[in-house]
Amino acid sequence: MASVPPSALGFRHVGRLLRCARAGKFAGTPAAGFSDDPAFAPELLGGLGQGFRDFFAGKLQPFFRADMLGQLSGLLPPPIADHLPDRYCHALDAA
């Protein structure tokens, strides 16, 4: 799930929160009201750590474009890759 720095620093998600597993599809109804979920620092650190572990294990992050740029996006750590437009389009495809 894409995260943003805390609202106390002036950042916030746009619209309502929809949860989606990495490389999954949006499902259900949007959460009511505003949320700072997921917590920025733990999500960023955990995602970067997972990205490095996956990279050194030879496991690419999922990508949804067959062109070279799409394939290269598989090298990005999850906290960055989760914000790519093709990820949102893929997740919205079933919504």
PDB file of N, CA and C in Angstrom:
ATOM      1  N   MET A   1       0.854  -1.167   0.000  1.00  0.00           N
ATOM      2  CA  MET A   1       0.000   0.000   0.000  1.00  0.00           C
ATOM      3  C   MET A   1       0.896   1.224   0.000  1.00  0.00           C
ATOM      4  N   ALA A   2       0.599   2.156  -0.815  1.00  0.00           N
ATOM      5  CA  ALA A   2       1.393   3.383  -0.892  1.00  0.00           C
ATOM      6  C   ALA A   2       1.214   4.207   0.377  1.00  0.00           C
ATOM      7  N   SER A   3       2.301   4.762   0.853  1.00  0.00           N
ATOM      8  CA  SER A   3       2.248   5.590   2.061  1.00  0.00           C
ATOM      9  C   SER A   3       2.755   6.984   1.727  1.00  0.00           C
ATOM     10  N   VAL A   4       2.390   7.928   2.542  1.00  0.00           N
ATOM     11  CA  VAL A   4       2.876   9.298   2.411  1.00  0.00           C
ATOM     12  C   VAL A   4       3.379   9.742   3.786  1.00  0.00           C
ATOM     13  N   PRO A   5       4.275  10.730   3.820  1.00  0.00           N
ATOM     14  CA  PRO A   5       4.721  11.236   5.123  1.00  0.00           C
ATOM     15  C   PRO A   5       3.522  11.693   5.950  1.00  0.00           C
ATOM     16  N   PRO A   6       3.671  11.793   7.262  1.00  0.00           N
ATOM     17  CA  PRO A   6       2.547  12.102   8.159  1.00  0.00           C
ATOM     18  C   PRO A   6       1.873  13.441   7.864  1.00  0.00           C
ATOM     19  N   SER A   7       0.583  13.480   8.157  1.00  0.00           N
ATOM     20  CA  SER A   7      -0.181  14.709   7.935  1.00  0.00           C
ATOM     21  C   SER A   7       0.338  15.848   8.805  1.00  0.00           C
ATOM     22  N   ALA A   8       0.980  15.543   9.931  1.00  0.00           N
ATOM     23  CA  ALA A   8       1.555  16.580  10.792  1.00  0.00           C
ATOM     24  C   ALA A   8       2.635  17.380  10.055  1.00  0.00           C
ATOM     25  N   LEU A   9       3.204  16.790   9.009  1.00  0.00           N
ATOM     26  CA  LEU A   9       4.213  17.476   8.197  1.00  0.00           C
ATOM     27  C   LEU A   9       3.595  18.129   6.960  1.00  0.00           C
ATOM     28  N   GLY A  10       2.270  18.082   6.864  1.00  0.00           N
ATOM     29  CA  GLY A  10       1.579  18.723   5.746  1.00  0.00           C
ATOM     30  C   GLY A  10       1.253  17.799   4.584  1.00  0.00           C
ATOM     31  N   PHE A  11       1.496  16.501   4.720  1.00  0.00           N
ATOM     32  CA  PHE A  11       1.199  15.548   3.655  1.00  0.00           C
ATOM     33  C   PHE A  11      -0.074  14.796   4.000  1.00  0.00           C
ATOM     34  N   ARG A  12      -0.771  14.331   2.981  1.00  0.00           N
ATOM     35  CA  ARG A  12      -1.926  13.466   3.215  1.00  0.00           C
ATOM     36  C   ARG A  12      -2.323  12.787   1.917  1.00  0.00           C
ATOM     37  N   HIS A  13      -3.003  11.660   2.090  1.00  0.00           N
ATOM     38  CA  HIS A  13      -3.546  10.960   0.930  1.00  0.00           C
ATOM     39  C   HIS A  13      -4.635  11.824   0.309  1.00  0.00           C
ATOM     40  N   VAL A  14      -4.859  11.633  -0.962  1.00  0.00           N
ATOM     41  CA  VAL A  14      -5.912  12.350  -1.654  1.00  0.00           C
ATOM     42  C   VAL A  14      -7.147  11.462  -1.678  1.00  0.00           C
ATOM     43  N   GLY A  15      -8.287  12.030  -1.386  1.00  0.00           N
ATOM     44  CA  GLY A  15      -9.519  11.254  -1.423  1.00  0.00           C
ATOM     45  C   GLY A  15      -9.626  10.306  -0.256  1.00  0.00           C
ATOM     46  N   ARG A  16     -10.239   9.162  -0.483  1.00  0.00           N
ATOM     47  CA  ARG A  16     -10.470   8.168   0.575  1.00  0.00           C
ATOM     48  C   ARG A  16      -9.523   6.993   0.417  1.00  0.00           C
ATOM     49  N   LEU A  17      -9.194   6.374   1.529  1.00  0.00           N
ATOM     50  CA  LEU A  17      -8.260   5.259   1.555  1.00  0.00           C
ATOM     51  C   LEU A  17      -8.911   3.981   1.027  1.00  0.00           C
ATOM     52  N   LEU A  18      -8.243   3.376   0.052  1.00  0.00           N
ATOM     53  CA  LEU A  18      -8.603   2.050  -0.449  1.00  0.00           C
ATOM     54  C   LEU A  18      -7.398   1.158  -0.222  1.00  0.00           C
ATOM     55  N   ARG A  19      -7.585   0.025   0.410  1.00  0.00           N
ATOM     56  CA  ARG A  19      -6.464  -0.882   0.651  1.00  0.00           C
ATOM     57  C   ARG A  19      -6.309  -1.830  -0.529  1.00  0.00           C
ATOM     58  N   CYS A  20      -5.050  -2.124  -0.818  1.00  0.00           N
ATOM     59  CA  CYS A  20      -4.741  -3.000  -1.939  1.00  0.00           C
ATOM     60  C   CYS A  20      -3.427  -3.705  -1.647  1.00  0.00           C
ATOM     61  N   ALA A  21      -3.410  -5.015  -1.733  1.00  0.00           N
ATOM     62  CA  ALA A  21      -2.164  -5.762  -1.547  1.00  0.00           C
ATOM     63  C   ALA A  21      -1.218  -5.438  -2.702  1.00  0.00           C
ATOM     64  N   ARG A  22       0.095  -5.534  -2.468  1.00  0.00           N
ATOM     65  CA  ARG A  22       1.072  -5.260  -3.515  1.00  0.00           C
ATOM     66  C   ARG A  22       0.771  -6.121  -4.726  1.00  0.00           C
ATOM     67  N   ALA A  23       0.657  -5.490  -5.877  1.00  0.00           N
ATOM     68  CA  ALA A  23       0.352  -6.129  -7.159  1.00  0.00           C
ATOM     69  C   ALA A  23      -1.061  -6.706  -7.196  1.00  0.00           C
ATOM     70  N   GLY A  24      -1.916  -6.297  -6.250  1.00  0.00           N
ATOM     71  CA  GLY A  24      -3.285  -6.785  -6.197  1.00  0.00           C
ATOM     72  C   GLY A  24      -4.253  -5.817  -6.842  1.00  0.00           C
ATOM     73  N   LYS A  25      -5.504  -5.979  -6.507  1.00  0.00           N
ATOM     74  CA  LYS A  25      -6.584  -5.145  -7.037  1.00  0.00           C
ATOM     75  C   LYS A  25      -7.287  -4.463  -5.872  1.00  0.00           C
ATOM     76  N   PHE A  26      -7.789  -3.254  -6.124  1.00  0.00           N
ATOM     77  CA  PHE A  26      -8.593  -2.574  -5.113  1.00  0.00           C
ATOM     78  C   PHE A  26      -9.903  -3.335  -4.959  1.00  0.00           C
ATOM     79  N   ALA A  27     -10.331  -3.496  -3.734  1.00  0.00           N
ATOM     80  CA  ALA A  27     -11.582  -4.192  -3.466  1.00  0.00           C
ATOM     81  C   ALA A  27     -12.284  -3.516  -2.306  1.00  0.00           C
ATOM     82  N   GLY A  28     -13.566  -3.687  -2.231  1.00  0.00           N
ATOM     83  CA  GLY A  28     -14.326  -3.129  -1.118  1.00  0.00           C
ATOM     84  C   GLY A  28     -14.671  -1.672  -1.339  1.00  0.00           C
ATOM     85  N   THR A  29     -15.085  -1.044  -0.281  1.00  0.00           N
ATOM     86  CA  THR A  29     -15.487   0.351  -0.351  1.00  0.00           C
ATOM     87  C   THR A  29     -14.435   1.215   0.335  1.00  0.00           C
ATOM     88  N   PRO A  30     -14.328   2.473  -0.080  1.00  0.00           N
ATOM     89  CA  PRO A  30     -13.343   3.366   0.542  1.00  0.00           C
ATOM     90  C   PRO A  30     -13.617   3.559   2.028  1.00  0.00           C
ATOM     91  N   ALA A  31     -12.553   3.723   2.793  1.00  0.00           N
ATOM     92  CA  ALA A  31     -12.684   4.000   4.225  1.00  0.00           C
ATOM     93  C   ALA A  31     -13.299   5.385   4.408  1.00  0.00           C
ATOM     94  N   ALA A  32     -14.125   5.527   5.417  1.00  0.00           N
ATOM     95  CA  ALA A  32     -14.751   6.819   5.697  1.00  0.00           C
ATOM     96  C   ALA A  32     -13.750   7.713   6.405  1.00  0.00           C
ATOM     97  N   GLY A  33     -13.738   8.974   6.057  1.00  0.00           N
ATOM     98  CA  GLY A  33     -12.892   9.938   6.739  1.00  0.00           C
ATOM     99  C   GLY A  33     -11.438   9.858   6.333  1.00  0.00           C
ATOM    100  N   PHE A  34     -10.608  10.641   7.008  1.00  0.00           N
ATOM    101  CA  PHE A  34      -9.193  10.762   6.716  1.00  0.00           C
ATOM    102  C   PHE A  34      -8.391   9.756   7.537  1.00  0.00           C
ATOM    103  N   SER A  35      -7.306   9.269   6.970  1.00  0.00           N
ATOM    104  CA  SER A  35      -6.438   8.330   7.681  1.00  0.00           C
ATOM    105  C   SER A  35      -4.987   8.591   7.325  1.00  0.00           C
ATOM    106  N   ASP A  36      -4.098   8.436   8.298  1.00  0.00           N
ATOM    107  CA  ASP A  36      -2.657   8.510   8.056  1.00  0.00           C
ATOM    108  C   ASP A  36      -2.072   7.124   7.777  1.00  0.00           C
ATOM    109  N   ASP A  37      -2.940   6.097   7.694  1.00  0.00           N
ATOM    110  CA  ASP A  37      -2.453   4.744   7.431  1.00  0.00           C
ATOM    111  C   ASP A  37      -1.938   4.636   6.001  1.00  0.00           C
ATOM    112  N   PRO A  38      -0.948   3.817   5.764  1.00  0.00           N
ATOM    113  CA  PRO A  38      -0.121   3.134   6.737  1.00  0.00           C
ATOM    114  C   PRO A  38       0.920   4.090   7.315  1.00  0.00           C
ATOM    115  N   ALA A  39       1.448   3.767   8.473  1.00  0.00           N
ATOM    116  CA  ALA A  39       2.448   4.622   9.118  1.00  0.00           C
ATOM    117  C   ALA A  39       3.668   4.745   8.214  1.00  0.00           C
ATOM    118  N   PHE A  40       4.112   5.966   7.989  1.00  0.00           N
ATOM    119  CA  PHE A  40       5.146   6.248   6.991  1.00  0.00           C
ATOM    120  C   PHE A  40       6.498   5.601   7.302  1.00  0.00           C
ATOM    121  N   ALA A  41       7.077   5.892   8.468  1.00  0.00           N
ATOM    122  CA  ALA A  41       8.439   5.421   8.755  1.00  0.00           C
ATOM    123  C   ALA A  41       8.551   3.895   8.749  1.00  0.00           C
ATOM    124  N   PRO A  42       7.682   3.170   9.479  1.00  0.00           N
ATOM    125  CA  PRO A  42       7.808   1.705   9.439  1.00  0.00           C
ATOM    126  C   PRO A  42       7.568   1.137   8.040  1.00  0.00           C
ATOM    127  N   GLU A  43       6.625   1.710   7.320  1.00  0.00           N
ATOM    128  CA  GLU A  43       6.327   1.236   5.963  1.00  0.00           C
ATOM    129  C   GLU A  43       7.517   1.475   5.036  1.00  0.00           C
ATOM    130  N   LEU A  44       8.125   2.654   5.131  1.00  0.00           N
ATOM    131  CA  LEU A  44       9.272   2.989   4.294  1.00  0.00           C
ATOM    132  C   LEU A  44      10.455   2.081   4.618  1.00  0.00           C
ATOM    133  N   LEU A  45      10.792   1.962   5.899  1.00  0.00           N
ATOM    134  CA  LEU A  45      11.940   1.134   6.299  1.00  0.00           C
ATOM    135  C   LEU A  45      11.713  -0.336   5.961  1.00  0.00           C
ATOM    136  N   GLY A  46      10.507  -0.828   6.248  1.00  0.00           N
ATOM    137  CA  GLY A  46      10.201  -2.220   5.927  1.00  0.00           C
ATOM    138  C   GLY A  46      10.224  -2.479   4.430  1.00  0.00           C
ATOM    139  N   GLY A  47       9.674  -1.544   3.672  1.00  0.00           N
ATOM    140  CA  GLY A  47       9.639  -1.696   2.216  1.00  0.00           C
ATOM    141  C   GLY A  47      11.011  -1.631   1.582  1.00  0.00           C
ATOM    142  N   LEU A  48      11.848  -0.706   2.063  1.00  0.00           N
ATOM    143  CA  LEU A  48      13.214  -0.614   1.539  1.00  0.00           C
ATOM    144  C   LEU A  48      14.002  -1.876   1.878  1.00  0.00           C
ATOM    145  N   GLY A  49      13.838  -2.348   3.119  1.00  0.00           N
ATOM    146  CA  GLY A  49      14.517  -3.582   3.508  1.00  0.00           C
ATOM    147  C   GLY A  49      14.084  -4.761   2.660  1.00  0.00           C
ATOM    148  N   GLN A  50      12.768  -4.871   2.428  1.00  0.00           N
ATOM    149  CA  GLN A  50      12.256  -5.952   1.592  1.00  0.00           C
ATOM    150  C   GLN A  50      12.760  -5.818   0.165  1.00  0.00           C
ATOM    151  N   GLY A  51      12.818  -4.585  -0.336  1.00  0.00           N
ATOM    152  CA  GLY A  51      13.328  -4.354  -1.689  1.00  0.00           C
ATOM    153  C   GLY A  51      14.773  -4.804  -1.840  1.00  0.00           C
ATOM    154  N   PHE A  52      15.617  -4.499  -0.846  1.00  0.00           N
ATOM    155  CA  PHE A  52      17.015  -4.927  -0.898  1.00  0.00           C
ATOM    156  C   PHE A  52      17.134  -6.446  -0.787  1.00  0.00           C
ATOM    157  N   ARG A  53      16.361  -7.058   0.097  1.00  0.00           N
ATOM    158  CA  ARG A  53      16.395  -8.516   0.217  1.00  0.00           C
ATOM    159  C   ARG A  53      15.957  -9.181  -1.087  1.00  0.00           C
ATOM    160  N   ASP A  54      14.882  -8.669  -1.672  1.00  0.00           N
ATOM    161  CA  ASP A  54      14.404  -9.225  -2.944  1.00  0.00           C
ATOM    162  C   ASP A  54      15.434  -9.044  -4.054  1.00  0.00           C
ATOM    163  N   PHE A  55      16.040  -7.849  -4.106  1.00  0.00           N
ATOM    164  CA  PHE A  55      17.025  -7.552  -5.157  1.00  0.00           C
ATOM    165  C   PHE A  55      18.191  -8.527  -5.079  1.00  0.00           C
ATOM    166  N   PHE A  56      18.739  -8.705  -3.879  1.00  0.00           N
ATOM    167  CA  PHE A  56      19.898  -9.589  -3.739  1.00  0.00           C
ATOM    168  C   PHE A  56      19.527 -11.063  -3.857  1.00  0.00           C
ATOM    169  N   ALA A  57      18.259 -11.380  -3.723  1.00  0.00           N
ATOM    170  CA  ALA A  57      17.791 -12.751  -3.940  1.00  0.00           C
ATOM    171  C   ALA A  57      17.416 -12.973  -5.410  1.00  0.00           C
ATOM    172  N   GLY A  58      17.541 -11.915  -6.224  1.00  0.00           N
ATOM    173  CA  GLY A  58      17.213 -12.031  -7.645  1.00  0.00           C
ATOM    174  C   GLY A  58      15.726 -11.999  -7.935  1.00  0.00           C
ATOM    175  N   LYS A  59      14.943 -11.520  -6.984  1.00  0.00           N
ATOM    176  CA  LYS A  59      13.487 -11.469  -7.150  1.00  0.00           C
ATOM    177  C   LYS A  59      13.080 -10.025  -7.465  1.00  0.00           C
ATOM    178  N   LEU A  60      12.534  -9.813  -8.651  1.00  0.00           N
ATOM    179  CA  LEU A  60      12.079  -8.480  -9.043  1.00  0.00           C
ATOM    180  C   LEU A  60      10.708  -8.186  -8.460  1.00  0.00           C
ATOM    181  N   GLN A  61      10.430  -6.917  -8.249  1.00  0.00           N
ATOM    182  CA  GLN A  61       9.087  -6.489  -7.859  1.00  0.00           C
ATOM    183  C   GLN A  61       8.174  -6.689  -9.069  1.00  0.00           C
ATOM    184  N   PRO A  62       6.878  -6.861  -8.853  1.00  0.00           N
ATOM    185  CA  PRO A  62       5.975  -7.042  -9.997  1.00  0.00           C
ATOM    186  C   PRO A  62       5.964  -5.797 -10.878  1.00  0.00           C
ATOM    187  N   PHE A  63       5.825  -6.003 -12.182  1.00  0.00           N
ATOM    188  CA  PHE A  63       5.676  -4.880 -13.108  1.00  0.00           C
ATOM    189  C   PHE A  63       4.558  -5.219 -14.076  1.00  0.00           C
ATOM    190  N   PHE A  64       3.951  -4.180 -14.631  1.00  0.00           N
ATOM    191  CA  PHE A  64       2.752  -4.380 -15.443  1.00  0.00           C
ATOM    192  C   PHE A  64       2.886  -3.805 -16.848  1.00  0.00           C
ATOM    193  N   ARG A  65       4.087  -3.400 -17.194  1.00  0.00           N
ATOM    194  CA  ARG A  65       4.365  -2.931 -18.550  1.00  0.00           C
ATOM    195  C   ARG A  65       5.450  -3.821 -19.133  1.00  0.00           C
ATOM    196  N   ALA A  66       5.276  -4.235 -20.373  1.00  0.00           N
ATOM    197  CA  ALA A  66       6.236  -5.136 -20.997  1.00  0.00           C
ATOM    198  C   ALA A  66       7.443  -4.412 -21.591  1.00  0.00           C
ATOM    199  N   ASP A  67       7.354  -3.079 -21.732  1.00  0.00           N
ATOM    200  CA  ASP A  67       8.475  -2.351 -22.328  1.00  0.00           C
ATOM    201  C   ASP A  67       9.652  -2.285 -21.351  1.00  0.00           C
ATOM    202  N   MET A  68      10.786  -1.781 -21.815  1.00  0.00           N
ATOM    203  CA  MET A  68      12.007  -1.747 -21.008  1.00  0.00           C
ATOM    204  C   MET A  68      11.816  -0.952 -19.718  1.00  0.00           C
ATOM    205  N   LEU A  69      11.155   0.195 -19.796  1.00  0.00           N
ATOM    206  CA  LEU A  69      10.935   1.005 -18.598  1.00  0.00           C
ATOM    207  C   LEU A  69      10.086   0.244 -17.575  1.00  0.00           C
ATOM    208  N   GLY A  70       9.062  -0.445 -18.050  1.00  0.00           N
ATOM    209  CA  GLY A  70       8.225  -1.243 -17.159  1.00  0.00           C
ATOM    210  C   GLY A  70       9.015  -2.343 -16.481  1.00  0.00           C
ATOM    211  N   GLN A  71       9.866  -3.009 -17.240  1.00  0.00           N
ATOM    212  CA  GLN A  71      10.680  -4.077 -16.666  1.00  0.00           C
ATOM    213  C   GLN A  71      11.692  -3.527 -15.667  1.00  0.00           C
ATOM    214  N   LEU A  72      12.279  -2.375 -15.965  1.00  0.00           N
ATOM    215  CA  LEU A  72      13.229  -1.758 -15.033  1.00  0.00           C
ATOM    216  C   LEU A  72      12.553  -1.338 -13.734  1.00  0.00           C
ATOM    217  N   SER A  73      11.257  -1.044 -13.789  1.00  0.00           N
ATOM    218  CA  SER A  73      10.547  -0.653 -12.566  1.00  0.00           C
ATOM    219  C   SER A  73      10.535  -1.791 -11.555  1.00  0.00           C
ATOM    220  N   GLY A  74      10.775  -3.023 -12.009  1.00  0.00           N
ATOM    221  CA  GLY A  74      10.851  -4.161 -11.110  1.00  0.00           C
ATOM    222  C   GLY A  74      12.057  -4.107 -10.182  1.00  0.00           C
ATOM    223  N   LEU A  75      13.019  -3.229 -10.483  1.00  0.00           N
ATOM    224  CA  LEU A  75      14.201  -3.075  -9.640  1.00  0.00           C
ATOM    225  C   LEU A  75      13.990  -2.077  -8.507  1.00  0.00           C
ATOM    226  N   LEU A  76      12.918  -1.313  -8.576  1.00  0.00           N
ATOM    227  CA  LEU A  76      12.670  -0.288  -7.558  1.00  0.00           C
ATOM    228  C   LEU A  76      12.216  -0.908  -6.245  1.00  0.00           C
ATOM    229  N   PRO A  77      12.603  -0.297  -5.114  1.00  0.00           N
ATOM    230  CA  PRO A  77      12.081  -0.775  -3.833  1.00  0.00           C
ATOM    231  C   PRO A  77      10.569  -0.542  -3.763  1.00  0.00           C
ATOM    232  N   PRO A  78       9.844  -1.401  -3.071  1.00  0.00           N
ATOM    233  CA  PRO A  78       8.387  -1.295  -3.010  1.00  0.00           C
ATOM    234  C   PRO A  78       7.835   0.089  -2.635  1.00  0.00           C
ATOM    235  N   PRO A  79       8.416   0.820  -1.657  1.00  0.00           N
ATOM    236  CA  PRO A  79       7.815   2.117  -1.315  1.00  0.00           C
ATOM    237  C   PRO A  79       7.826   3.123  -2.476  1.00  0.00           C
ATOM    238  N   ILE A  80       8.745   2.941  -3.401  1.00  0.00           N
ATOM    239  CA  ILE A  80       8.792   3.826  -4.574  1.00  0.00           C
ATOM    240  C   ILE A  80       7.922   3.251  -5.684  1.00  0.00           C
ATOM    241  N   ALA A  81       8.090   1.953  -5.946  1.00  0.00           N
ATOM    242  CA  ALA A  81       7.344   1.310  -7.030  1.00  0.00           C
ATOM    243  C   ALA A  81       5.840   1.388  -6.825  1.00  0.00           C
ATOM    244  N   ASP A  82       5.390   1.357  -5.570  1.00  0.00           N
ATOM    245  CA  ASP A  82       3.956   1.391  -5.289  1.00  0.00           C
ATOM    246  C   ASP A  82       3.292   2.666  -5.797  1.00  0.00           C
ATOM    247  N   HIS A  83       4.072   3.713  -6.028  1.00  0.00           N
ATOM    248  CA  HIS A  83       3.510   4.986  -6.487  1.00  0.00           C
ATOM    249  C   HIS A  83       3.502   5.140  -8.005  1.00  0.00           C
ATOM    250  N   LEU A  84       3.977   4.167  -8.734  1.00  0.00           N
ATOM    251  CA  LEU A  84       4.003   4.282 -10.195  1.00  0.00           C
ATOM    252  C   LEU A  84       2.588   4.219 -10.762  1.00  0.00           C
ATOM    253  N   PRO A  85       2.307   5.041 -11.767  1.00  0.00           N
ATOM    254  CA  PRO A  85       0.951   5.061 -12.341  1.00  0.00           C
ATOM    255  C   PRO A  85       0.475   3.701 -12.845  1.00  0.00           C
ATOM    256  N   ASP A  86       1.384   2.882 -13.400  1.00  0.00           N
ATOM    257  CA  ASP A  86       0.927   1.587 -13.906  1.00  0.00           C
ATOM    258  C   ASP A  86       0.431   0.684 -12.783  1.00  0.00           C
ATOM    259  N   ARG A  87       0.950   0.869 -11.554  1.00  0.00           N
ATOM    260  CA  ARG A  87       0.473   0.083 -10.409  1.00  0.00           C
ATOM    261  C   ARG A  87      -0.953   0.484 -10.060  1.00  0.00           C
ATOM    262  N   TYR A  88      -1.206   1.792 -10.057  1.00  0.00           N
ATOM    263  CA  TYR A  88      -2.573   2.269  -9.770  1.00  0.00           C
ATOM    264  C   TYR A  88      -3.539   1.797 -10.858  1.00  0.00           C
ATOM    265  N   CYS A  89      -3.128   1.893 -12.122  1.00  0.00           N
ATOM    266  CA  CYS A  89      -4.006   1.455 -13.207  1.00  0.00           C
ATOM    267  C   CYS A  89      -4.323  -0.032 -13.080  1.00  0.00           C
ATOM    268  N   HIS A  90      -3.327  -0.828 -12.758  1.00  0.00           N
ATOM    269  CA  HIS A  90      -3.547  -2.269 -12.575  1.00  0.00           C
ATOM    270  C   HIS A  90      -4.522  -2.522 -11.430  1.00  0.00           C
ATOM    271  N   ALA A  91      -4.330  -1.825 -10.328  1.00  0.00           N
ATOM    272  CA  ALA A  91      -5.186  -2.021  -9.158  1.00  0.00           C
ATOM    273  C   ALA A  91      -6.614  -1.557  -9.424  1.00  0.00           C
ATOM    274  N   LEU A  92      -6.780  -0.526 -10.235  1.00  0.00           N
ATOM    275  CA  LEU A  92      -8.114  -0.008 -10.539  1.00  0.00           C
ATOM    276  C   LEU A  92      -8.823  -0.807 -11.613  1.00  0.00           C
ATOM    277  N   ASP A  93      -8.091  -1.628 -12.336  1.00  0.00           N
ATOM    278  CA  ASP A  93      -8.638  -2.372 -13.461  1.00  0.00           C
ATOM    279  C   ASP A  93      -9.855  -3.197 -13.055  1.00  0.00           C
ATOM    280  N   ALA A  94      -9.832  -3.759 -11.863  1.00  0.00           N
ATOM    281  CA  ALA A  94     -10.948  -4.608 -11.428  1.00  0.00           C
ATOM    282  C   ALA A  94     -11.979  -3.844 -10.606  1.00  0.00           C
ATOM    283  N   ALA A  95     -11.689  -2.597 -10.267  1.00  0.00           N
ATOM    284  CA  ALA A  95     -12.595  -1.836  -9.401  1.00  0.00           C
ATOM    285  C   ALA A  95     -13.815  -1.353 -10.161  1.00  0.00           C
TER     286      ALA A  95
END
